[in-house]
Amino acid sequence: MDDQKPVYTPASFEKRTAAWMGIAYVLMLLFILNFTLFTGGRQLPGTFPLFLVPVSVALAVVLIHRLRSKTLPGGVAGAALGLIVCAAGVFFGLALGVPALLAALGA
């Protein structure tokens, strides 16, 4: 009989980053649901662009990690283009979503 234990293999960096992104989305959805429940059915119109922020940040983190470990297929040029797109996603997500969120919250 073979008494060897299976070797533990941790999740890849990309999978762990995706898990943290998922946690951010769950927290956002919980906020929306609780807001709707505790305010008598009020909604948060115009806040959907905020959902662009977690995926943009997660993609930027993965791009930087792959660039540092030299495993990015596009090299530095691909990383630069990807990071520009991620920065645009974060900027537009916040620029369009935060004013709508503040208006919906009555601030």
Protein backbone atom coordinates (compact mmCIF):
# COMPACT_ATOMS: atom_id res chain seq x y z
CA MET A 1 0.00 0.00 0.00
CA ASP A 2 1.08 3.49 -0.70
CA ASP A 3 1.01 5.68 2.44
CA GLN A 4 1.87 8.95 0.73
CA LYS A 5 -0.34 11.94 1.37
CA PRO A 6 -1.46 13.97 -1.61
CA VAL A 7 0.75 16.98 -2.27
CA TYR A 8 -0.85 20.31 -1.44
CA THR A 9 -0.87 22.68 -4.38
CA PRO A 10 -1.99 26.22 -3.54
CA ALA A 11 -4.20 28.12 -5.95
CA SER A 12 -2.51 30.26 -8.56
CA PHE A 13 -2.10 33.99 -8.09
CA GLU A 14 -4.78 34.63 -10.71
CA LYS A 15 -7.30 32.41 -8.90
CA ARG A 16 -6.62 34.12 -5.58
CA THR A 17 -7.01 37.53 -7.20
CA ALA A 18 -10.30 36.42 -8.75
CA ALA A 19 -11.47 35.23 -5.34
CA TRP A 20 -10.78 38.65 -3.81
CA MET A 21 -12.62 40.27 -6.73
CA GLY A 22 -15.55 37.95 -6.00
CA ILE A 23 -15.54 39.02 -2.36
CA ALA A 24 -15.71 42.67 -3.47
CA TYR A 25 -18.69 41.88 -5.71
CA VAL A 26 -20.48 40.00 -2.93
CA LEU A 27 -20.01 42.95 -0.57
CA MET A 28 -21.33 45.33 -3.22
CA LEU A 29 -24.39 43.15 -3.82
CA LEU A 30 -25.02 42.82 -0.09
CA PHE A 31 -24.91 46.60 0.24
CA ILE A 32 -27.43 47.01 -2.58
CA LEU A 33 -29.78 44.39 -1.15
CA ASN A 34 -29.58 45.78 2.38
CA PHE A 35 -30.07 49.33 1.12
CA THR A 36 -33.20 48.26 -0.75
CA LEU A 37 -34.55 46.30 2.20
CA PHE A 38 -33.95 48.93 4.86
CA THR A 39 -35.07 51.97 2.87
CA GLY A 40 -38.48 50.66 1.89
CA GLY A 41 -37.64 49.63 -1.66
CA ARG A 42 -35.57 52.63 -2.76
CA GLN A 43 -33.16 51.85 -5.56
CA LEU A 44 -29.68 53.00 -6.50
CA PRO A 45 -30.10 54.16 -10.11
CA GLY A 46 -26.98 54.92 -12.09
CA THR A 47 -24.58 53.06 -9.83
CA PHE A 48 -23.92 50.13 -12.18
CA PRO A 49 -20.58 51.62 -13.40
CA LEU A 50 -19.19 50.97 -9.92
CA PHE A 51 -19.17 47.26 -10.81
CA LEU A 52 -16.40 48.03 -13.31
CA VAL A 53 -13.97 48.98 -10.53
CA PRO A 54 -13.24 45.54 -8.93
CA VAL A 55 -12.60 43.80 -12.24
CA SER A 56 -10.35 46.64 -13.43
CA VAL A 57 -8.32 46.56 -10.22
CA ALA A 58 -8.06 42.75 -10.30
CA LEU A 59 -6.91 42.77 -13.91
CA ALA A 60 -4.33 45.46 -13.17
CA VAL A 61 -2.97 43.43 -10.23
CA VAL A 62 -2.67 40.31 -12.42
CA LEU A 63 -0.99 42.29 -15.20
CA ILE A 64 1.56 43.78 -12.80
CA HIS A 65 2.24 40.37 -11.26
CA ARG A 66 2.75 38.76 -14.65
CA LEU A 67 4.93 41.64 -15.81
CA ARG A 68 7.15 41.31 -12.73
CA SER A 69 7.42 37.54 -13.20
CA LYS A 70 8.06 37.99 -16.95
CA THR A 71 5.19 35.70 -17.99
CA LEU A 72 3.05 38.29 -19.78
CA PRO A 73 2.55 37.30 -23.45
CA GLY A 74 2.42 40.90 -24.71
CA GLY A 75 5.51 42.03 -22.83
CA VAL A 76 5.87 45.59 -21.60
CA ALA A 77 3.81 47.05 -24.46
CA GLY A 78 0.92 44.71 -23.73
CA ALA A 79 1.14 45.48 -20.02
CA ALA A 80 1.16 49.21 -20.67
CA LEU A 81 -1.90 48.98 -22.89
CA GLY A 82 -3.69 46.74 -20.40
CA LEU A 83 -2.89 49.03 -17.48
CA ILE A 84 -4.15 52.04 -19.42
CA VAL A 85 -7.42 50.23 -20.07
CA CYS A 86 -7.64 49.23 -16.38
CA ALA A 87 -7.00 52.81 -15.27
CA ALA A 88 -9.70 54.03 -17.66
CA GLY A 89 -12.10 51.44 -16.25
CA VAL A 90 -11.44 52.53 -12.68
CA PHE A 91 -11.69 56.22 -13.61
CA PHE A 92 -14.93 55.94 -15.57
CA GLY A 93 -16.44 53.51 -13.07
CA LEU A 94 -15.82 55.93 -10.22
CA ALA A 95 -16.59 59.07 -12.21
CA LEU A 96 -19.98 57.76 -13.34
CA GLY A 97 -20.91 55.68 -10.30
CA VAL A 98 -19.94 57.78 -7.27
CA PRO A 99 -22.07 60.86 -8.14
CA ALA A 100 -25.06 58.58 -8.78
CA LEU A 101 -24.44 56.78 -5.50
CA LEU A 102 -24.17 60.04 -3.57
CA ALA A 103 -27.37 61.32 -5.21
CA ALA A 104 -29.19 58.08 -4.37
CA LEU A 105 -27.98 58.19 -0.77
CA GLY A 106 -29.12 61.80 -0.45
CA ALA A 107 -25.69 63.19 0.35
